[in-house]
């Protein structure tokens, strides 16, 4: 459970229990309940005011998506390595099947981006 999910659950529990506290609880319990509810709403408001580009709100609750990763492409050295691999494979058979070449390049890119 994330922090935001826990806050939402706590807020729901506090709001559901509020009528019972109002009817049967002490004044101190009621004040504490109201302070807790207000504190959670204040956290949500501050998150909205200080929101960063990319912050989304789900049912009024801030949701922070994971940061975007920067794509890492092949360097000149990587391209040279692919070229050497192709030349090595061509020596035996005369050509490299396209699918094998694609899979080799795909593996290199996965290696750099995971």
Protein backbone atom coordinates (compact mmCIF):
# COMPACT_ATOMS: atom_id res chain seq x y z
CA UNK A 1 0.00 0.00 0.00
CA UNK A 2 1.35 3.41 -0.91
CA UNK A 3 1.39 6.47 1.32
CA UNK A 4 -1.37 8.06 -0.76
CA UNK A 5 -3.54 4.95 -0.53
CA UNK A 6 -3.02 4.86 3.25
CA UNK A 7 -4.00 8.52 3.57
CA UNK A 8 -7.11 7.97 1.49
CA UNK A 9 -8.09 4.97 3.61
CA UNK A 10 -7.48 6.91 6.83
CA UNK A 11 -9.56 9.81 5.55
CA UNK A 12 -12.44 7.51 4.64
CA UNK A 13 -12.30 5.85 8.07
CA UNK A 14 -12.25 9.20 9.84
CA UNK A 15 -15.16 10.57 7.81
CA UNK A 16 -17.23 7.41 8.24
CA UNK A 17 -16.69 7.46 12.00
CA UNK A 18 -17.42 11.16 12.39
CA UNK A 19 -21.21 10.81 12.97
CA UNK A 20 -20.59 8.28 15.76
CA UNK A 21 -18.10 10.59 17.44
CA UNK A 22 -20.53 13.50 17.08
CA UNK A 23 -23.32 11.50 18.71
CA UNK A 24 -21.47 9.48 21.33
CA UNK A 25 -17.93 10.78 21.68
CA UNK A 26 -16.44 13.42 23.87
CA UNK A 27 -15.70 16.95 22.75
CA UNK A 28 -11.99 16.09 22.80
CA UNK A 29 -12.52 13.07 20.54
CA UNK A 30 -14.58 15.18 18.14
CA UNK A 31 -11.88 17.88 18.00
CA UNK A 32 -9.20 15.27 17.37
CA UNK A 33 -11.28 13.71 14.59
CA UNK A 34 -11.81 17.11 12.92
CA UNK A 35 -8.10 18.00 13.24
CA UNK A 36 -7.08 14.70 11.64
CA UNK A 37 -9.49 15.16 8.73
CA UNK A 38 -8.35 18.77 8.24
CA UNK A 39 -4.68 17.69 8.31
CA UNK A 40 -5.21 15.16 5.54
CA UNK A 41 -7.06 17.70 3.38
CA UNK A 42 -4.27 20.20 4.04
CA UNK A 43 -1.69 17.69 2.78
CA UNK A 44 -3.73 17.21 -0.39
CA UNK A 45 -4.09 20.96 -0.90
CA UNK A 46 -0.36 21.56 -0.46
CA UNK A 47 0.35 18.78 -2.94
CA UNK A 48 -1.96 20.48 -5.45
CA UNK A 49 -0.35 23.89 -4.92
CA UNK A 50 3.18 22.52 -5.10
CA UNK A 51 2.35 20.16 -7.90
CA UNK A 52 4.98 19.38 -10.44
CA UNK A 53 4.32 18.86 -14.11
CA UNK A 54 3.07 15.32 -14.50
CA UNK A 55 1.23 15.07 -11.18
CA UNK A 56 -2.16 13.56 -11.70
CA UNK A 57 -5.08 13.51 -9.30
CA UNK A 58 -7.16 10.39 -8.84
CA UNK A 59 -10.36 11.18 -6.95
CA UNK A 60 -8.71 14.31 -5.59
CA UNK A 61 -5.67 12.45 -4.32
CA UNK A 62 -2.26 13.23 -5.83
CA UNK A 63 -0.72 10.42 -7.81
CA UNK A 64 2.94 10.74 -8.71
CA UNK A 65 3.78 8.58 -11.73
CA UNK A 66 7.24 7.04 -11.82
CA UNK A 67 9.87 9.26 -13.42
CA UNK A 68 10.50 8.84 -17.10
CA UNK A 69 13.74 7.09 -17.89
CA UNK A 70 16.07 8.56 -20.47
CA UNK A 71 16.44 6.32 -23.51
CA UNK A 72 20.00 5.18 -24.08
CA UNK A 73 20.82 4.49 -27.71
CA UNK A 74 23.79 2.76 -29.25
CA UNK A 75 27.13 4.54 -29.19
CA UNK A 76 29.52 4.58 -32.14
CA UNK A 77 31.47 1.83 -30.39
CA UNK A 78 28.28 -0.26 -30.10
CA UNK A 79 27.60 0.24 -33.82
CA UNK A 80 31.16 -0.84 -34.60
CA UNK A 81 30.60 -3.95 -32.49
CA UNK A 82 27.40 -4.75 -34.41
CA UNK A 83 29.27 -4.27 -37.67
CA UNK A 84 32.04 -6.63 -36.51
CA UNK A 85 29.41 -9.17 -35.44
CA UNK A 86 27.78 -9.00 -38.90
CA UNK A 87 31.14 -9.36 -40.65
CA UNK A 88 32.00 -12.37 -38.46
CA UNK A 89 28.64 -14.05 -39.16
CA UNK A 90 28.87 -13.34 -42.90
CA UNK A 91 32.25 -15.08 -43.18
CA UNK A 92 30.69 -18.48 -42.63
CA UNK A 93 27.40 -18.24 -44.49
CA UNK A 94 27.70 -15.32 -46.82
CA UNK A 95 24.94 -13.30 -45.13
CA UNK A 96 23.22 -12.64 -41.80
CA UNK A 97 19.47 -13.28 -41.61
CA UNK A 98 17.62 -10.04 -40.87
CA UNK A 99 15.87 -11.50 -37.84
CA UNK A 100 19.18 -12.47 -36.21
CA UNK A 101 20.55 -8.97 -36.82
CA UNK A 102 17.41 -7.36 -35.38
CA UNK A 103 17.52 -9.62 -32.29
CA UNK A 104 21.21 -8.84 -31.75
CA UNK A 105 20.58 -5.07 -31.88
CA UNK A 106 17.49 -5.45 -29.69
CA UNK A 107 19.55 -7.33 -27.08
CA UNK A 108 22.18 -4.55 -27.06
CA UNK A 109 19.49 -1.89 -26.52
CA UNK A 110 17.79 -3.90 -23.76
CA UNK A 111 21.15 -4.31 -22.05
CA UNK A 112 21.61 -0.52 -22.01
CA UNK A 113 18.07 0.37 -20.95
CA UNK A 114 17.28 -2.09 -18.16
